[in-house]
Amino acid sequence: MTRSDLAKRLARQFPGISAPGAKELLDHFLLAMKEGLESGDTVELRDFGVLRIRDKKRRNGRNPRTGEKVDVPAKKVIYFKQSRILKGKLK
């Protein structure tokens, strides 16, 4: 499901919101989530899950083509943990 699919679904479910308005609302929501994660906050959506930033340590890797050892630098990654309710619905 794409962002425009979500916006269309919102516009159908809430007749007072137009399709462009739903897209703008969704864009603001995603921007707020992005800014929260960038500032180090945890984004918790009840009954859905939790998004947070985790640090991955530096490690030694390997180039699969040449077999040569490669240094993989430390980095930050987004971690998502689904809620028990979502997990139960997906089973």
Protein backbone atom coordinates (compact mmCIF):
# COMPACT_ATOMS: atom_id res chain seq x y z
CA MET A 1 0.00 0.00 0.00
CA THR A 2 1.42 3.36 -1.03
CA ARG A 3 1.06 6.80 0.51
CA SER A 4 -1.54 7.81 -2.09
CA ASP A 5 -3.49 4.59 -1.41
CA LEU A 6 -3.58 5.51 2.29
CA ALA A 7 -4.71 9.06 1.46
CA LYS A 8 -7.52 7.76 -0.78
CA ARG A 9 -8.65 5.38 1.97
CA LEU A 10 -8.69 8.24 4.51
CA ALA A 11 -10.72 10.43 2.12
CA ARG A 12 -13.26 7.63 1.61
CA GLN A 13 -13.56 6.91 5.32
CA PHE A 14 -13.93 10.57 6.34
CA PRO A 15 -16.25 12.31 3.84
CA GLY A 16 -15.38 15.78 5.22
CA ILE A 17 -11.79 15.41 4.00
CA SER A 18 -10.96 15.72 0.30
CA ALA A 19 -8.37 13.46 -1.33
CA PRO A 20 -5.75 16.27 -1.54
CA GLY A 21 -6.53 17.22 2.06
CA ALA A 22 -6.07 13.62 3.19
CA LYS A 23 -2.73 13.45 1.35
CA GLU A 24 -1.57 16.67 3.04
CA LEU A 25 -2.70 15.37 6.45
CA LEU A 26 -0.81 12.12 5.89
CA ASP A 27 2.30 14.02 4.77
CA HIS A 28 2.24 16.12 7.97
CA PHE A 29 1.79 12.98 10.08
CA LEU A 30 4.77 11.25 8.44
CA LEU A 31 6.89 14.40 8.73
CA ALA A 32 6.13 14.61 12.46
CA MET A 33 7.17 10.95 12.87
CA LYS A 34 10.38 11.58 10.92
CA GLU A 35 11.26 14.67 12.97
CA GLY A 36 10.59 12.77 16.19
CA LEU A 37 12.89 9.94 15.19
CA GLU A 38 15.59 12.37 14.04
CA SER A 39 15.53 14.07 17.44
CA GLY A 40 15.94 10.72 19.21
CA ASP A 41 12.35 10.31 20.39
CA THR A 42 10.46 7.03 20.35
CA VAL A 43 7.31 7.03 18.19
CA GLU A 44 4.66 4.89 19.86
CA LEU A 45 1.41 4.14 18.02
CA ARG A 46 -0.91 2.27 20.38
CA ASP A 47 -2.25 -1.04 19.03
CA PHE A 48 0.22 -0.79 16.12
CA GLY A 49 3.80 -0.68 17.35
CA VAL A 50 6.84 1.34 18.38
CA LEU A 51 9.50 2.94 16.16
CA ARG A 52 12.88 3.88 17.62
CA ILE A 53 16.44 4.49 16.51
CA ARG A 54 19.08 1.90 17.37
CA ASP A 55 22.84 2.16 17.03
CA LYS A 56 24.62 -0.58 15.10
CA LYS A 57 28.25 -1.09 15.99
CA ARG A 58 31.14 -1.03 13.57
CA ARG A 59 31.84 -4.48 12.20
CA ASN A 60 33.96 -6.35 9.72
CA GLY A 61 32.13 -7.41 6.57
CA ARG A 62 33.00 -9.18 3.36
CA ASN A 63 32.53 -8.20 -0.27
CA PRO A 64 30.47 -11.11 -1.69
CA ARG A 65 31.98 -10.76 -5.19
CA THR A 66 35.64 -10.68 -4.27
CA GLY A 67 35.69 -12.14 -0.78
CA GLU A 68 37.72 -9.11 0.31
CA LYS A 69 37.28 -7.95 3.92
CA VAL A 70 35.50 -4.61 4.26
CA ASP A 71 35.10 -2.33 7.28
CA VAL A 72 31.41 -1.51 7.85
CA PRO A 73 31.14 1.73 9.88
CA ALA A 74 28.77 2.26 12.82
CA LYS A 75 25.36 3.60 11.86
CA LYS A 76 21.87 4.31 13.13
CA VAL A 77 18.91 2.19 11.98
CA ILE A 78 15.16 2.39 12.54
CA TYR A 79 13.78 -0.48 14.61
CA PHE A 80 10.06 -1.38 14.59
CA LYS A 81 8.47 -3.55 17.24
CA GLN A 82 4.90 -4.54 16.51
CA SER A 83 2.26 -4.51 19.24
CA ARG A 84 0.72 -7.72 20.57
CA ILE A 85 -2.60 -6.69 19.05
CA LEU A 86 -1.11 -6.25 15.57
CA LYS A 87 0.85 -9.47 15.92
CA GLY A 88 -2.36 -11.32 16.86
CA LYS A 89 -4.22 -9.91 13.85
CA LEU A 90 -1.45 -10.96 11.48
CA LYS A 91 -1.50 -14.59 12.59
